[in-house]
Amino acid sequence: MLVLTYVLAALVAAEFLFIMHIETFATSSDLTAKTFGMDRGELERPSVDMLFKNQGVYNGLLAVLVVVALVARSLPALACLMGYVVLVAAYGAASTRNPQIFFKQAGVAVLCLVACLVTMAL
């Protein structure tokens, strides 16, 4: 179960590094436009570009924290981080009234959280 937990956590870290990439480095790309359902012209606006880049750094640092928790082999830290991801995804889904956001952003994190909790209980 421990190996599964670590694999799921690594997938969450990879997901957030990918999100950082599309928000920070590929802000006005076709992939970013499709992912967020926005027009490329809107993404090229300086204010939107700046907001996306800032959000991307946040997502990248979240990935770094997950990697640090993995390296430290800290299941409580991983569980807290996964809980955070789940809560943020729930807020995003509720505030946009788009439940797909929850499953896209927190699907793997939910599995990892469950695996963390089961592993800690054993």
PDB file of N, CA and C in Angstrom:
ATOM      1  N   MET A   1       0.828  -1.199   0.000  1.00  0.00           N
ATOM      2  CA  MET A   1       0.000   0.000   0.000  1.00  0.00           C
ATOM      3  C   MET A   1       0.870   1.259   0.000  1.00  0.00           C
ATOM      4  N   LEU A   2       2.020   1.168   0.666  1.00  0.00           N
ATOM      5  CA  LEU A   2       2.914   2.316   0.740  1.00  0.00           C
ATOM      6  C   LEU A   2       3.426   2.708  -0.640  1.00  0.00           C
ATOM      7  N   VAL A   3       3.787   1.717  -1.440  1.00  0.00           N
ATOM      8  CA  VAL A   3       4.285   2.007  -2.791  1.00  0.00           C
ATOM      9  C   VAL A   3       3.184   2.666  -3.623  1.00  0.00           C
ATOM     10  N   LEU A   4       1.965   2.165  -3.527  1.00  0.00           N
ATOM     11  CA  LEU A   4       0.832   2.764  -4.245  1.00  0.00           C
ATOM     12  C   LEU A   4       0.651   4.223  -3.826  1.00  0.00           C
ATOM     13  N   THR A   5       0.759   4.491  -2.541  1.00  0.00           N
ATOM     14  CA  THR A   5       0.625   5.861  -2.031  1.00  0.00           C
ATOM     15  C   THR A   5       1.671   6.767  -2.651  1.00  0.00           C
ATOM     16  N   TYR A   6       2.903   6.299  -2.686  1.00  0.00           N
ATOM     17  CA  TYR A   6       3.996   7.107  -3.246  1.00  0.00           C
ATOM     18  C   TYR A   6       3.824   7.317  -4.749  1.00  0.00           C
ATOM     19  N   VAL A   7       3.373   6.300  -5.448  1.00  0.00           N
ATOM     20  CA  VAL A   7       3.147   6.439  -6.896  1.00  0.00           C
ATOM     21  C   VAL A   7       2.038   7.460  -7.153  1.00  0.00           C
ATOM     22  N   LEU A   8       0.952   7.376  -6.399  1.00  0.00           N
ATOM     23  CA  LEU A   8      -0.146   8.329  -6.569  1.00  0.00           C
ATOM     24  C   LEU A   8       0.305   9.750  -6.236  1.00  0.00           C
ATOM     25  N   ALA A   9       1.101   9.902  -5.190  1.00  0.00           N
ATOM     26  CA  ALA A   9       1.610  11.225  -4.826  1.00  0.00           C
ATOM     27  C   ALA A   9       2.513  11.775  -5.931  1.00  0.00           C
ATOM     28  N   ALA A  10       3.337  10.926  -6.509  1.00  0.00           N
ATOM     29  CA  ALA A  10       4.198  11.363  -7.614  1.00  0.00           C
ATOM     30  C   ALA A  10       3.356  11.795  -8.815  1.00  0.00           C
ATOM     31  N   LEU A  11       2.258  11.111  -9.060  1.00  0.00           N
ATOM     32  CA  LEU A  11       1.357  11.510 -10.150  1.00  0.00           C
ATOM     33  C   LEU A  11       0.719  12.868  -9.872  1.00  0.00           C
ATOM     34  N   VAL A  12       0.348  13.112  -8.626  1.00  0.00           N
ATOM     35  CA  VAL A  12      -0.212  14.417  -8.260  1.00  0.00           C
ATOM     36  C   VAL A  12       0.838  15.510  -8.484  1.00  0.00           C
ATOM     37  N   ALA A  13       2.074  15.252  -8.069  1.00  0.00           N
ATOM     38  CA  ALA A  13       3.154  16.227  -8.282  1.00  0.00           C
ATOM     39  C   ALA A  13       3.341  16.490  -9.774  1.00  0.00           C
ATOM     40  N   ALA A  14       3.340  15.435 -10.577  1.00  0.00           N
ATOM     41  CA  ALA A  14       3.495  15.597 -12.027  1.00  0.00           C
ATOM     42  C   ALA A  14       2.341  16.401 -12.616  1.00  0.00           C
ATOM     43  N   GLU A  15       1.134  16.139 -12.139  1.00  0.00           N
ATOM     44  CA  GLU A  15      -0.036  16.884 -12.616  1.00  0.00           C
ATOM     45  C   GLU A  15       0.120  18.382 -12.340  1.00  0.00           C
ATOM     46  N   PHE A  16       0.575  18.718 -11.139  1.00  0.00           N
ATOM     47  CA  PHE A  16       0.709  20.128 -10.796  1.00  0.00           C
ATOM     48  C   PHE A  16       1.902  20.788 -11.491  1.00  0.00           C
ATOM     49  N   LEU A  17       2.922  20.005 -11.811  1.00  0.00           N
ATOM     50  CA  LEU A  17       4.007  20.557 -12.640  1.00  0.00           C
ATOM     51  C   LEU A  17       3.504  20.843 -14.052  1.00  0.00           C
ATOM     52  N   PHE A  18       2.648  19.962 -14.557  1.00  0.00           N
ATOM     53  CA  PHE A  18       2.052  20.198 -15.877  1.00  0.00           C
ATOM     54  C   PHE A  18       1.176  21.445 -15.856  1.00  0.00           C
ATOM     55  N   ILE A  19       0.375  21.582 -14.808  1.00  0.00           N
ATOM     56  CA  ILE A  19      -0.467  22.777 -14.690  1.00  0.00           C
ATOM     57  C   ILE A  19       0.409  24.020 -14.623  1.00  0.00           C
ATOM     58  N   MET A  20       1.503  23.935 -13.871  1.00  0.00           N
ATOM     59  CA  MET A  20       2.424  25.069 -13.814  1.00  0.00           C
ATOM     60  C   MET A  20       2.950  25.398 -15.209  1.00  0.00           C
ATOM     61  N   HIS A  21       3.292  24.382 -15.962  1.00  0.00           N
ATOM     62  CA  HIS A  21       3.813  24.603 -17.310  1.00  0.00           C
ATOM     63  C   HIS A  21       2.811  25.352 -18.186  1.00  0.00           C
ATOM     64  N   ILE A  22       1.573  24.886 -18.217  1.00  0.00           N
ATOM     65  CA  ILE A  22       0.615  25.534 -19.114  1.00  0.00           C
ATOM     66  C   ILE A  22       0.216  26.922 -18.620  1.00  0.00           C
ATOM     67  N   GLU A  23       0.282  27.141 -17.301  1.00  0.00           N
ATOM     68  CA  GLU A  23      -0.094  28.458 -16.782  1.00  0.00           C
ATOM     69  C   GLU A  23       1.066  29.457 -16.827  1.00  0.00           C
ATOM     70  N   THR A  24       2.283  28.983 -16.654  1.00  0.00           N
ATOM     71  CA  THR A  24       3.424  29.893 -16.527  1.00  0.00           C
ATOM     72  C   THR A  24       4.214  30.032 -17.815  1.00  0.00           C
ATOM     73  N   PHE A  25       4.451  28.941 -18.510  1.00  0.00           N
ATOM     74  CA  PHE A  25       5.333  28.980 -19.678  1.00  0.00           C
ATOM     75  C   PHE A  25       4.588  28.925 -21.005  1.00  0.00           C
ATOM     76  N   ALA A  26       3.408  28.334 -21.021  1.00  0.00           N
ATOM     77  CA  ALA A  26       2.627  28.214 -22.252  1.00  0.00           C
ATOM     78  C   ALA A  26       1.287  28.910 -22.077  1.00  0.00           C
ATOM     79  N   THR A  27       1.318  30.078 -21.485  1.00  0.00           N
ATOM     80  CA  THR A  27       0.105  30.767 -21.063  1.00  0.00           C
ATOM     81  C   THR A  27      -0.896  30.977 -22.190  1.00  0.00           C
ATOM     82  N   SER A  28      -0.429  31.350 -23.371  1.00  0.00           N
ATOM     83  CA  SER A  28      -1.371  31.653 -24.457  1.00  0.00           C
ATOM     84  C   SER A  28      -1.380  30.574 -25.531  1.00  0.00           C
ATOM     85  N   SER A  29      -1.028  29.352 -25.159  1.00  0.00           N
ATOM     86  CA  SER A  29      -1.008  28.254 -26.130  1.00  0.00           C
ATOM     87  C   SER A  29      -2.414  27.720 -26.397  1.00  0.00           C
ATOM     88  N   ASP A  30      -2.523  26.953 -27.463  1.00  0.00           N
ATOM     89  CA  ASP A  30      -3.799  26.306 -27.774  1.00  0.00           C
ATOM     90  C   ASP A  30      -4.204  25.340 -26.662  1.00  0.00           C
ATOM     91  N   LEU A  31      -3.223  24.633 -26.092  1.00  0.00           N
ATOM     92  CA  LEU A  31      -3.519  23.690 -25.015  1.00  0.00           C
ATOM     93  C   LEU A  31      -4.081  24.407 -23.791  1.00  0.00           C
ATOM     94  N   THR A  32      -3.490  25.539 -23.430  1.00  0.00           N
ATOM     95  CA  THR A  32      -3.985  26.302 -22.283  1.00  0.00           C
ATOM     96  C   THR A  32      -5.391  26.824 -22.565  1.00  0.00           C
ATOM     97  N   ALA A  33      -5.597  27.338 -23.770  1.00  0.00           N
ATOM     98  CA  ALA A  33      -6.919  27.845 -24.144  1.00  0.00           C
ATOM     99  C   ALA A  33      -7.967  26.736 -24.050  1.00  0.00           C
ATOM    100  N   LYS A  34      -7.621  25.555 -24.554  1.00  0.00           N
ATOM    101  CA  LYS A  34      -8.563  24.430 -24.519  1.00  0.00           C
ATOM    102  C   LYS A  34      -8.790  23.958 -23.080  1.00  0.00           C
ATOM    103  N   THR A  35      -7.719  23.864 -22.313  1.00  0.00           N
ATOM    104  CA  THR A  35      -7.816  23.374 -20.935  1.00  0.00           C
ATOM    105  C   THR A  35      -8.735  24.245 -20.086  1.00  0.00           C
ATOM    106  N   PHE A  36      -8.620  25.557 -20.253  1.00  0.00           N
ATOM    107  CA  PHE A  36      -9.394  26.472 -19.417  1.00  0.00           C
ATOM    108  C   PHE A  36     -10.634  27.029 -20.126  1.00  0.00           C
ATOM    109  N   GLY A  37     -10.878  26.566 -21.346  1.00  0.00           N
ATOM    110  CA  GLY A  37     -12.063  27.008 -22.080  1.00  0.00           C
ATOM    111  C   GLY A  37     -12.062  28.503 -22.350  1.00  0.00           C
ATOM    112  N   MET A  38     -10.883  29.022 -22.696  1.00  0.00           N
ATOM    113  CA  MET A  38     -10.740  30.461 -22.934  1.00  0.00           C
ATOM    114  C   MET A  38     -10.202  30.702 -24.337  1.00  0.00           C
ATOM    115  N   ASP A  39     -10.470  31.883 -24.826  1.00  0.00           N
ATOM    116  CA  ASP A  39      -9.955  32.305 -26.116  1.00  0.00           C
ATOM    117  C   ASP A  39      -8.483  32.693 -25.970  1.00  0.00           C
ATOM    118  N   ARG A  40      -7.666  32.378 -26.979  1.00  0.00           N
ATOM    119  CA  ARG A  40      -6.239  32.729 -26.908  1.00  0.00           C
ATOM    120  C   ARG A  40      -6.041  34.230 -26.758  1.00  0.00           C
ATOM    121  N   GLY A  41      -6.897  35.011 -27.399  1.00  0.00           N
ATOM    122  CA  GLY A  41      -6.786  36.469 -27.273  1.00  0.00           C
ATOM    123  C   GLY A  41      -6.955  36.927 -25.836  1.00  0.00           C
ATOM    124  N   GLU A  42      -7.862  36.284 -25.115  1.00  0.00           N
ATOM    125  CA  GLU A  42      -8.069  36.609 -23.703  1.00  0.00           C
ATOM    126  C   GLU A  42      -6.829  36.243 -22.885  1.00  0.00           C
ATOM    127  N   LEU A  43      -6.240  35.100 -23.209  1.00  0.00           N
ATOM    128  CA  LEU A  43      -5.044  34.655 -22.493  1.00  0.00           C
ATOM    129  C   LEU A  43      -3.842  35.566 -22.742  1.00  0.00           C
ATOM    130  N   GLU A  44      -3.851  36.265 -23.864  1.00  0.00           N
ATOM    131  CA  GLU A  44      -2.734  37.154 -24.208  1.00  0.00           C
ATOM    132  C   GLU A  44      -2.851  38.531 -23.557  1.00  0.00           C
ATOM    133  N   ARG A  45      -4.011  38.820 -22.959  1.00  0.00           N
ATOM    134  CA  ARG A  45      -4.144  40.095 -22.247  1.00  0.00           C
ATOM    135  C   ARG A  45      -3.128  40.148 -21.118  1.00  0.00           C
ATOM    136  N   PRO A  46      -2.412  41.270 -20.958  1.00  0.00           N
ATOM    137  CA  PRO A  46      -1.371  41.340 -19.921  1.00  0.00           C
ATOM    138  C   PRO A  46      -1.860  40.990 -18.522  1.00  0.00           C
ATOM    139  N   SER A  47      -3.057  41.431 -18.153  1.00  0.00           N
ATOM    140  CA  SER A  47      -3.551  41.140 -16.802  1.00  0.00           C
ATOM    141  C   SER A  47      -3.832  39.656 -16.622  1.00  0.00           C
ATOM    142  N   VAL A  48      -4.405  39.019 -17.624  1.00  0.00           N
ATOM    143  CA  VAL A  48      -4.696  37.587 -17.543  1.00  0.00           C
ATOM    144  C   VAL A  48      -3.387  36.795 -17.562  1.00  0.00           C
ATOM    145  N   ASP A  49      -2.461  37.205 -18.408  1.00  0.00           N
ATOM    146  CA  ASP A  49      -1.160  36.554 -18.495  1.00  0.00           C
ATOM    147  C   ASP A  49      -0.459  36.578 -17.133  1.00  0.00           C
ATOM    148  N   MET A  50      -0.475  37.740 -16.473  1.00  0.00           N
ATOM    149  CA  MET A  50       0.167  37.872 -15.170  1.00  0.00           C
ATOM    150  C   MET A  50      -0.527  36.985 -14.128  1.00  0.00           C
ATOM    151  N   LEU A  51      -1.862  36.964 -14.128  1.00  0.00           N
ATOM    152  CA  LEU A  51      -2.598  36.135 -13.172  1.00  0.00           C
ATOM    153  C   LEU A  51      -2.297  34.648 -13.378  1.00  0.00           C
ATOM    154  N   PHE A  52      -2.255  34.219 -14.627  1.00  0.00           N
ATOM    155  CA  PHE A  52      -1.959  32.819 -14.922  1.00  0.00           C
ATOM    156  C   PHE A  52      -0.551  32.450 -14.477  1.00  0.00           C
ATOM    157  N   LYS A  53       0.408  33.324 -14.747  1.00  0.00           N
ATOM    158  CA  LYS A  53       1.792  33.046 -14.351  1.00  0.00           C
ATOM    159  C   LYS A  53       1.909  32.940 -12.830  1.00  0.00           C
ATOM    160  N   ASN A  54       1.252  33.824 -12.106  1.00  0.00           N
ATOM    161  CA  ASN A  54       1.270  33.754 -10.642  1.00  0.00           C
ATOM    162  C   ASN A  54       0.623  32.468 -10.148  1.00  0.00           C
ATOM    163  N   GLN A  55      -0.499  32.102 -10.727  1.00  0.00           N
ATOM    164  CA  GLN A  55      -1.176  30.866 -10.341  1.00  0.00           C
ATOM    165  C   GLN A  55      -0.315  29.653 -10.681  1.00  0.00           C
ATOM    166  N   GLY A  56       0.400  29.737 -11.798  1.00  0.00           N
ATOM    167  CA  GLY A  56       1.278  28.638 -12.197  1.00  0.00           C
ATOM    168  C   GLY A  56       2.400  28.415 -11.202  1.00  0.00           C
ATOM    169  N   VAL A  57       2.972  29.505 -10.691  1.00  0.00           N
ATOM    170  CA  VAL A  57       4.031  29.374  -9.685  1.00  0.00           C
ATOM    171  C   VAL A  57       3.477  28.704  -8.429  1.00  0.00           C
ATOM    172  N   TYR A  58       2.289  29.066  -8.027  1.00  0.00           N
ATOM    173  CA  TYR A  58       1.627  28.431  -6.878  1.00  0.00           C
ATOM    174  C   TYR A  58       1.512  26.920  -7.107  1.00  0.00           C
ATOM    175  N   ASN A  59       1.044  26.532  -8.290  1.00  0.00           N
ATOM    176  CA  ASN A  59       0.876  25.109  -8.583  1.00  0.00           C
ATOM    177  C   ASN A  59       2.220  24.386  -8.627  1.00  0.00           C
ATOM    178  N   GLY A  60       3.243  25.052  -9.156  1.00  0.00           N
ATOM    179  CA  GLY A  60       4.574  24.454  -9.170  1.00  0.00           C
ATOM    180  C   GLY A  60       5.119  24.245  -7.776  1.00  0.00           C
ATOM    181  N   LEU A  61       4.906  25.221  -6.903  1.00  0.00           N
ATOM    182  CA  LEU A  61       5.390  25.083  -5.528  1.00  0.00           C
ATOM    183  C   LEU A  61       4.610  24.009  -4.763  1.00  0.00           C
ATOM    184  N   LEU A  62       3.346  23.834  -5.096  1.00  0.00           N
ATOM    185  CA  LEU A  62       2.578  22.743  -4.499  1.00  0.00           C
ATOM    186  C   LEU A  62       3.194  21.402  -4.906  1.00  0.00           C
ATOM    187  N   ALA A  63       3.584  21.287  -6.169  1.00  0.00           N
ATOM    188  CA  ALA A  63       4.247  20.066  -6.638  1.00  0.00           C
ATOM    189  C   ALA A  63       5.557  19.842  -5.886  1.00  0.00           C
ATOM    190  N   VAL A  64       6.307  20.913  -5.660  1.00  0.00           N
ATOM    191  CA  VAL A  64       7.565  20.801  -4.911  1.00  0.00           C
ATOM    192  C   VAL A  64       7.293  20.302  -3.494  1.00  0.00           C
ATOM    193  N   LEU A  65       6.269  20.813  -2.846  1.00  0.00           N
ATOM    194  CA  LEU A  65       5.933  20.358  -1.493  1.00  0.00           C
ATOM    195  C   LEU A  65       5.567  18.873  -1.471  1.00  0.00           C
ATOM    196  N   VAL A  66       4.860  18.423  -2.483  1.00  0.00           N
ATOM    197  CA  VAL A  66       4.517  17.000  -2.556  1.00  0.00           C
ATOM    198  C   VAL A  66       5.799  16.173  -2.711  1.00  0.00           C
ATOM    199  N   VAL A  67       6.725  16.635  -3.543  1.00  0.00           N
ATOM    200  CA  VAL A  67       7.989  15.918  -3.725  1.00  0.00           C
ATOM    201  C   VAL A  67       8.792  15.912  -2.414  1.00  0.00           C
ATOM    202  N   VAL A  68       8.817  17.034  -1.712  1.00  0.00           N
ATOM    203  CA  VAL A  68       9.524  17.098  -0.424  1.00  0.00           C
ATOM    204  C   VAL A  68       8.910  16.100   0.558  1.00  0.00           C
ATOM    205  N   ALA A  69       7.595  16.027   0.607  1.00  0.00           N
ATOM    206  CA  ALA A  69       6.928  15.067   1.503  1.00  0.00           C
ATOM    207  C   ALA A  69       7.249  13.630   1.088  1.00  0.00           C
ATOM    208  N   LEU A  70       7.362  13.410  -0.218  1.00  0.00           N
ATOM    209  CA  LEU A  70       7.740  12.077  -0.701  1.00  0.00           C
ATOM    210  C   LEU A  70       9.158  11.723  -0.273  1.00  0.00           C
ATOM    211  N   VAL A  71      10.077  12.644  -0.490  1.00  0.00           N
ATOM    212  CA  VAL A  71      11.481  12.406  -0.138  1.00  0.00           C
ATOM    213  C   VAL A  71      11.623  12.195   1.372  1.00  0.00           C
ATOM    214  N   ALA A  72      10.862  12.965   2.148  1.00  0.00           N
ATOM    215  CA  ALA A  72      10.891  12.839   3.606  1.00  0.00           C
ATOM    216  C   ALA A  72      10.117  11.616   4.089  1.00  0.00           C
ATOM    217  N   ARG A  73       9.401  10.981   3.185  1.00  0.00           N
ATOM    218  CA  ARG A  73       8.561   9.822   3.513  1.00  0.00           C
ATOM    219  C   ARG A  73       7.588  10.136   4.642  1.00  0.00           C
ATOM    220  N   SER A  74       6.963  11.298   4.507  1.00  0.00           N
ATOM    221  CA  SER A  74       6.033  11.761   5.536  1.00  0.00           C
ATOM    222  C   SER A  74       4.590  11.571   5.074  1.00  0.00           C
ATOM    223  N   LEU A  75       3.990  10.503   5.524  1.00  0.00           N
ATOM    224  CA  LEU A  75       2.586  10.255   5.176  1.00  0.00           C
ATOM    225  C   LEU A  75       1.653  11.327   5.731  1.00  0.00           C
ATOM    226  N   PRO A  76       1.860  11.823   6.949  1.00  0.00           N
ATOM    227  CA  PRO A  76       0.979  12.896   7.429  1.00  0.00           C
ATOM    228  C   PRO A  76       1.073  14.147   6.551  1.00  0.00           C
ATOM    229  N   ALA A  77       2.268  14.501   6.112  1.00  0.00           N
ATOM    230  CA  ALA A  77       2.414  15.674   5.228  1.00  0.00           C
ATOM    231  C   ALA A  77       1.728  15.422   3.897  1.00  0.00           C
ATOM    232  N   LEU A  78       1.897  14.223   3.349  1.00  0.00           N
ATOM    233  CA  LEU A  78       1.224  13.899   2.086  1.00  0.00           C
ATOM    234  C   LEU A  78      -0.289  13.961   2.258  1.00  0.00           C
ATOM    235  N   ALA A  79      -0.793  13.424   3.345  1.00  0.00           N
ATOM    236  CA  ALA A  79      -2.238  13.441   3.589  1.00  0.00           C
ATOM    237  C   ALA A  79      -2.745  14.882   3.687  1.00  0.00           C
ATOM    238  N   CYS A  80      -2.011  15.736   4.380  1.00  0.00           N
ATOM    239  CA  CYS A  80      -2.415  17.152   4.488  1.00  0.00           C
ATOM    240  C   CYS A  80      -2.415  17.828   3.126  1.00  0.00           C
ATOM    241  N   LEU A  81      -1.380  17.588   2.344  1.00  0.00           N
ATOM    242  CA  LEU A  81      -1.304  18.200   1.006  1.00  0.00           C
ATOM    243  C   LEU A  81      -2.425  17.690   0.105  1.00  0.00           C
ATOM    244  N   MET A  82      -2.711  16.403   0.172  1.00  0.00           N
ATOM    245  CA  MET A  82      -3.787  15.855  -0.661  1.00  0.00           C
ATOM    246  C   MET A  82      -5.140  16.397  -0.208  1.00  0.00           C
ATOM    247  N   GLY A  83      -5.314  16.546   1.097  1.00  0.00           N
ATOM    248  CA  GLY A  83      -6.545  17.157   1.600  1.00  0.00           C
ATOM    249  C   GLY A  83      -6.697  18.580   1.104  1.00  0.00           C
ATOM    250  N   TYR A  84      -5.597  19.300   1.075  1.00  0.00           N
ATOM    251  CA  TYR A  84      -5.600  20.672   0.564  1.00  0.00           C
ATOM    252  C   TYR A  84      -6.018  20.698  -0.906  1.00  0.00           C
ATOM    253  N   VAL A  85      -5.432  19.815  -1.703  1.00  0.00           N
ATOM    254  CA  VAL A  85      -5.780  19.744  -3.130  1.00  0.00           C
ATOM    255  C   VAL A  85      -7.267  19.437  -3.294  1.00  0.00           C
ATOM    256  N   VAL A  86      -7.776  18.512  -2.511  1.00  0.00           N
ATOM    257  CA  VAL A  86      -9.193  18.136  -2.597  1.00  0.00           C
ATOM    258  C   VAL A  86     -10.083  19.332  -2.246  1.00  0.00           C
ATOM    259  N   LEU A  87      -9.745  20.047  -1.190  1.00  0.00           N
ATOM    260  CA  LEU A  87     -10.550  21.211  -0.793  1.00  0.00           C
ATOM    261  C   LEU A  87     -10.509  22.323  -1.843  1.00  0.00           C
ATOM    262  N   VAL A  88      -9.337  22.591  -2.389  1.00  0.00           N
ATOM    263  CA  VAL A  88      -9.222  23.632  -3.415  1.00  0.00           C
ATOM    264  C   VAL A  88     -10.005  23.228  -4.667  1.00  0.00           C
ATOM    265  N   ALA A  89      -9.929  21.964  -5.036  1.00  0.00           N
ATOM    266  CA  ALA A  89     -10.679  21.491  -6.204  1.00  0.00           C
ATOM    267  C   ALA A  89     -12.187  21.575  -5.961  1.00  0.00           C
ATOM    268  N   ALA A  90     -12.603  21.257  -4.746  1.00  0.00           N
ATOM    269  CA  ALA A  90     -14.033  21.369  -4.415  1.00  0.00           C
ATOM    270  C   ALA A  90     -14.492  22.817  -4.516  1.00  0.00           C
ATOM    271  N   TYR A  91     -13.681  23.735  -4.010  1.00  0.00           N
ATOM    272  CA  TYR A  91     -14.020  25.154  -4.123  1.00  0.00           C
ATOM    273  C   TYR A  91     -14.079  25.577  -5.592  1.00  0.00           C
ATOM    274  N   GLY A  92     -13.099  25.154  -6.379  1.00  0.00           N
ATOM    275  CA  GLY A  92     -13.088  25.502  -7.799  1.00  0.00           C
ATOM    276  C   GLY A  92     -14.315  24.977  -8.525  1.00  0.00           C
ATOM    277  N   ALA A  93     -14.695  23.755  -8.217  1.00  0.00           N
ATOM    278  CA  ALA A  93     -15.880  23.168  -8.858  1.00  0.00           C
ATOM    279  C   ALA A  93     -17.147  23.896  -8.434  1.00  0.00           C
ATOM    280  N   ALA A  94     -17.231  24.238  -7.155  1.00  0.00           N
ATOM    281  CA  ALA A  94     -18.427  24.927  -6.657  1.00  0.00           C
ATOM    282  C   ALA A  94     -18.508  26.358  -7.176  1.00  0.00           C
ATOM    283  N   SER A  95     -17.388  27.053  -7.182  1.00  0.00           N
ATOM    284  CA  SER A  95     -17.419  28.466  -7.583  1.00  0.00           C
ATOM    285  C   SER A  95     -17.646  28.642  -9.081  1.00  0.00           C
ATOM    286  N   THR A  96     -17.246  27.653  -9.876  1.00  0.00           N
ATOM    287  CA  THR A  96     -17.468  27.749 -11.326  1.00  0.00           C
ATOM    288  C   THR A  96     -18.705  26.977 -11.761  1.00  0.00           C
ATOM    289  N   ARG A  97     -19.310  26.271 -10.804  1.00  0.00           N
ATOM    290  CA  ARG A  97     -20.468  25.407 -11.089  1.00  0.00           C
ATOM    291  C   ARG A  97     -20.157  24.393 -12.183  1.00  0.00           C
ATOM    292  N   ASN A  98     -18.922  23.871 -12.114  1.00  0.00           N
ATOM    293  CA  ASN A  98     -18.464  22.882 -13.082  1.00  0.00           C
ATOM    294  C   ASN A  98     -17.858  21.710 -12.310  1.00  0.00           C
ATOM    295  N   PRO A  99     -18.650  20.662 -12.049  1.00  0.00           N
ATOM    296  CA  PRO A  99     -18.152  19.544 -11.250  1.00  0.00           C
ATOM    297  C   PRO A  99     -16.978  18.804 -11.883  1.00  0.00           C
ATOM    298  N   GLN A 100     -16.799  18.933 -13.190  1.00  0.00           N
ATOM    299  CA  GLN A 100     -15.672  18.270 -13.853  1.00  0.00           C
ATOM    300  C   GLN A 100     -14.341  18.751 -13.306  1.00  0.00           C
ATOM    301  N   ILE A 101     -14.288  20.010 -12.872  1.00  0.00           N
ATOM    302  CA  ILE A 101     -13.050  20.560 -12.320  1.00  0.00           C
ATOM    303  C   ILE A 101     -12.596  19.722 -11.136  1.00  0.00           C
ATOM    304  N   PHE A 102     -13.536  19.329 -10.297  1.00  0.00           N
ATOM    305  CA  PHE A 102     -13.160  18.532  -9.120  1.00  0.00           C
ATOM    306  C   PHE A 102     -12.481  17.239  -9.538  1.00  0.00           C
ATOM    307  N   PHE A 103     -13.089  16.527 -10.480  1.00  0.00           N
ATOM    308  CA  PHE A 103     -12.549  15.229 -10.875  1.00  0.00           C
ATOM    309  C   PHE A 103     -11.219  15.366 -11.607  1.00  0.00           C
ATOM    310  N   LYS A 104     -11.090  16.416 -12.402  1.00  0.00           N
ATOM    311  CA  LYS A 104      -9.833  16.638 -13.128  1.00  0.00           C
ATOM    312  C   LYS A 104      -8.700  17.020 -12.181  1.00  0.00           C
ATOM    313  N   GLN A 105      -8.984  17.897 -11.248  1.00  0.00           N
ATOM    314  CA  GLN A 105      -7.937  18.420 -10.381  1.00  0.00           C
ATOM    315  C   GLN A 105      -7.692  17.526  -9.169  1.00  0.00           C
ATOM    316  N   ALA A 106      -8.716  16.855  -8.672  1.00  0.00           N
ATOM    317  CA  ALA A 106      -8.553  16.128  -7.411  1.00  0.00           C
ATOM    318  C   ALA A 106      -8.731  14.621  -7.523  1.00  0.00           C
ATOM    319  N   GLY A 107      -8.997  14.111  -8.696  1.00  0.00           N
ATOM    320  CA  GLY A 107      -9.238  12.672  -8.829  1.00  0.00           C
ATOM    321  C   GLY A 107      -8.117  11.825  -8.253  1.00  0.00           C
ATOM    322  N   VAL A 108      -6.893  12.073  -8.701  1.00  0.00           N
ATOM    323  CA  VAL A 108      -5.749  11.297  -8.219  1.00  0.00           C
ATOM    324  C   VAL A 108      -5.449  11.649  -6.765  1.00  0.00           C
ATOM    325  N   ALA A 109      -5.644  12.909  -6.395  1.00  0.00           N
ATOM    326  CA  ALA A 109      -5.383  13.334  -5.014  1.00  0.00           C
ATOM    327  C   ALA A 109      -6.320  12.626  -4.036  1.00  0.00           C
ATOM    328  N   VAL A 110      -7.557  12.408  -4.415  1.00  0.00           N
ATOM    329  CA  VAL A 110      -8.500  11.681  -3.548  1.00  0.00           C
ATOM    330  C   VAL A 110      -7.995  10.252  -3.333  1.00  0.00           C
ATOM    331  N   LEU A 111      -7.584   9.608  -4.426  1.00  0.00           N
ATOM    332  CA  LEU A 111      -7.055   8.250  -4.305  1.00  0.00           C
ATOM    333  C   LEU A 111      -5.811   8.223  -3.415  1.00  0.00           C
ATOM    334  N   CYS A 112      -4.939   9.204  -3.589  1.00  0.00           N
ATOM    335  CA  CYS A 112      -3.728   9.284  -2.785  1.00  0.00           C
ATOM    336  C   CYS A 112      -4.068   9.540  -1.324  1.00  0.00           C
ATOM    337  N   LEU A 113      -5.030  10.407  -1.055  1.00  0.00           N
ATOM    338  CA  LEU A 113      -5.449  10.678   0.317  1.00  0.00           C
ATOM    339  C   LEU A 113      -5.972   9.413   0.987  1.00  0.00           C
ATOM    340  N   VAL A 114      -6.809   8.675   0.280  1.00  0.00           N
ATOM    341  CA  VAL A 114      -7.338   7.414   0.827  1.00  0.00           C
ATOM    342  C   VAL A 114      -6.196   6.442   1.095  1.00  0.00           C
ATOM    343  N   ALA A 115      -5.269   6.344   0.136  1.00  0.00           N
ATOM    344  CA  ALA A 115      -4.123   5.431   0.310  1.00  0.00           C
ATOM    345  C   ALA A 115      -3.266   5.857   1.499  1.00  0.00           C
ATOM    346  N   CYS A 116      -3.062   7.166   1.675  1.00  0.00           N
ATOM    347  CA  CYS A 116      -2.306   7.669   2.838  1.00  0.00           C
ATOM    348  C   CYS A 116      -2.981   7.269   4.132  1.00  0.00           C
ATOM    349  N   LEU A 117      -4.269   7.502   4.214  1.00  0.00           N
ATOM    350  CA  LEU A 117      -5.014   7.214   5.443  1.00  0.00           C
ATOM    351  C   LEU A 117      -5.025   5.723   5.761  1.00  0.00           C
ATOM    352  N   VAL A 118      -5.211   4.897   4.731  1.00  0.00           N
ATOM    353  CA  VAL A 118      -5.207   3.442   4.944  1.00  0.00           C
ATOM    354  C   VAL A 118      -3.814   2.998   5.388  1.00  0.00           C
ATOM    355  N   THR A 119      -2.781   3.505   4.731  1.00  0.00           N
ATOM    356  CA  THR A 119      -1.414   3.123   5.077  1.00  0.00           C
ATOM    357  C   THR A 119      -1.073   3.547   6.507  1.00  0.00           C
ATOM    358  N   MET A 120      -1.487   4.736   6.896  1.00  0.00           N
ATOM    359  CA  MET A 120      -1.200   5.198   8.264  1.00  0.00           C
ATOM    360  C   MET A 120      -1.972   4.377   9.296  1.00  0.00           C
ATOM    361  N   ALA A 121      -3.145   3.859   8.921  1.00  0.00           N
ATOM    362  CA  ALA A 121      -3.962   3.076   9.843  1.00  0.00           C
ATOM    363  C   ALA A 121      -3.421   1.663  10.049  1.00  0.00           C
ATOM    364  N   LEU A 122      -2.632   1.200   9.082  1.00  0.00           N
ATOM    365  CA  LEU A 122      -2.102  -0.177   9.187  1.00  0.00           C
ATOM    366  C   LEU A 122      -0.983  -0.292  10.189  1.00  0.00           C
TER     367      LEU A 122
END
